[in-house]
Amino acid sequence: MKIELTSDELILAIVAVVRAVNPKMLIADGEGFTLDFTPLIGKESLTRDEQLLVKLRSAAEAESGSLEFNEEEALRVTSTLERLESLQAWPADVLTMSRAIRARLTPSA
């Protein structure tokens, strides 16, 4: 499944997956947070979730919102976004963005 994500949507998807994989990769700073990908560097073997993070990060760094997800990856992004929505109160625009991503990643019945 091919999907187009804005830079904000990519960041939200990355944060959702990071929170599921290794929340210590999110580092609070003065005005928000930074993402520390060093735990993935040099690993001999990446899990599927870590591979998904690398894919999302690569798209963000290339400033390309065009991504190809297999069914498992689409489900994982969808489920991590849903989980992220439930962890705390989010501004309405963030919830709208998360739900829009999930809707685009959910196959039509």
Protein backbone atom coordinates (compact mmCIF):
# COMPACT_ATOMS: atom_id res chain seq x y z
CA MET A 1 0.00 0.00 0.00
CA LYS A 2 1.41 3.34 -1.04
CA ILE A 3 0.63 6.35 1.11
CA GLU A 4 1.60 10.00 1.11
CA LEU A 5 2.36 11.58 4.49
CA THR A 6 3.10 15.21 5.28
CA SER A 7 6.19 15.96 7.35
CA ASP A 8 3.99 16.45 10.44
CA GLU A 9 2.26 13.13 9.80
CA LEU A 10 5.64 11.40 9.43
CA ILE A 11 6.83 12.83 12.74
CA LEU A 12 3.64 11.71 14.46
CA ALA A 13 4.00 8.20 13.02
CA ILE A 14 7.65 8.05 14.11
CA VAL A 15 6.78 9.16 17.64
CA ALA A 16 4.02 6.56 17.85
CA VAL A 17 6.31 3.73 16.75
CA VAL A 18 9.18 4.93 18.97
CA ARG A 19 6.84 4.98 21.98
CA ALA A 20 6.02 1.34 21.26
CA VAL A 21 9.58 0.18 20.48
CA ASN A 22 11.79 2.10 22.90
CA PRO A 23 10.36 5.16 24.67
CA LYS A 24 13.87 6.05 25.92
CA MET A 25 14.61 7.17 22.35
CA LEU A 26 12.32 10.18 22.99
CA ILE A 27 14.33 12.78 24.88
CA ALA A 28 12.58 15.79 26.39
CA ASP A 29 14.18 19.12 25.64
CA GLY A 30 13.27 22.76 26.20
CA GLU A 31 10.43 23.09 23.74
CA GLY A 32 9.43 19.52 23.09
CA PHE A 33 11.54 16.48 22.39
CA THR A 34 14.24 15.02 20.20
CA LEU A 35 14.53 11.51 18.87
CA ASP A 36 17.71 9.57 19.58
CA PHE A 37 18.22 6.82 17.02
CA THR A 38 21.65 5.78 18.33
CA PRO A 39 20.25 2.62 19.97
CA LEU A 40 19.59 1.32 16.43
CA ILE A 41 23.01 2.17 15.03
CA GLY A 42 25.33 -0.76 14.78
CA LYS A 43 22.73 -3.37 15.68
CA GLU A 44 23.39 -6.56 13.76
CA SER A 45 19.74 -7.37 13.39
CA LEU A 46 16.78 -5.02 13.59
CA THR A 47 13.33 -6.14 14.66
CA ARG A 48 10.44 -5.51 12.28
CA ASP A 49 9.41 -2.50 14.37
CA GLU A 50 12.96 -1.12 14.24
CA GLN A 51 13.03 -1.65 10.47
CA LEU A 52 9.76 0.30 10.27
CA LEU A 53 11.35 3.12 12.29
CA VAL A 54 14.30 3.22 9.90
CA LYS A 55 11.89 3.38 6.95
CA LEU A 56 9.93 6.25 8.51
CA ARG A 57 13.09 8.11 9.53
CA SER A 58 14.62 7.71 6.06
CA ALA A 59 11.48 9.17 4.48
CA ALA A 60 11.52 12.09 6.94
CA GLU A 61 15.21 12.81 6.33
CA ALA A 62 14.73 12.64 2.57
CA GLU A 63 11.73 14.94 2.93
CA SER A 64 9.72 12.39 1.02
CA GLY A 65 6.29 11.59 2.31
CA SER A 66 5.74 8.82 -0.20
CA LEU A 67 5.95 5.47 1.55
CA GLU A 68 5.15 1.90 0.61
CA PHE A 69 3.82 -0.14 3.53
CA ASN A 70 3.10 -3.83 3.58
CA GLU A 71 0.02 -4.96 5.48
CA GLU A 72 1.96 -5.67 8.68
CA GLU A 73 3.63 -2.25 8.67
CA ALA A 74 0.34 -0.46 8.01
CA LEU A 75 -1.27 -2.34 10.89
CA ARG A 76 1.64 -1.54 13.20
CA VAL A 77 1.54 2.19 12.43
CA THR A 78 -2.23 2.17 12.87
CA SER A 79 -2.08 0.36 16.21
CA THR A 80 0.76 2.50 17.59
CA LEU A 81 -1.08 5.69 16.62
CA GLU A 82 -4.23 4.42 18.31
CA ARG A 83 -2.21 3.61 21.43
CA LEU A 84 -0.53 7.03 21.37
CA GLU A 85 -3.94 8.72 21.23
CA SER A 86 -4.93 6.99 24.47
CA LEU A 87 -1.76 7.77 26.45
CA GLN A 88 -2.55 11.41 27.15
CA ALA A 89 -4.77 14.30 26.16
CA TRP A 90 -3.74 15.62 22.74
CA PRO A 91 -4.71 18.81 20.94
CA ALA A 92 -7.61 18.36 18.54
CA ASP A 93 -5.44 18.91 15.47
CA VAL A 94 -3.05 16.11 16.51
CA LEU A 95 -5.95 13.71 17.09
CA THR A 96 -7.44 14.66 13.73
CA MET A 97 -4.09 14.05 12.02
CA SER A 98 -3.62 10.69 13.76
CA ARG A 99 -7.11 9.53 12.85
CA ALA A 100 -6.63 10.63 9.24
CA ILE A 101 -3.43 8.60 8.97
CA ARG A 102 -5.12 5.57 10.51
CA ALA A 103 -8.05 5.89 8.11
CA ARG A 104 -5.73 5.99 5.08
CA LEU A 105 -3.82 2.94 6.34
CA THR A 106 -6.94 0.90 7.04
CA PRO A 107 -7.98 -1.20 4.05
CA SER A 108 -11.48 -0.60 2.80
CA ALA A 109 -13.83 -3.47 3.40
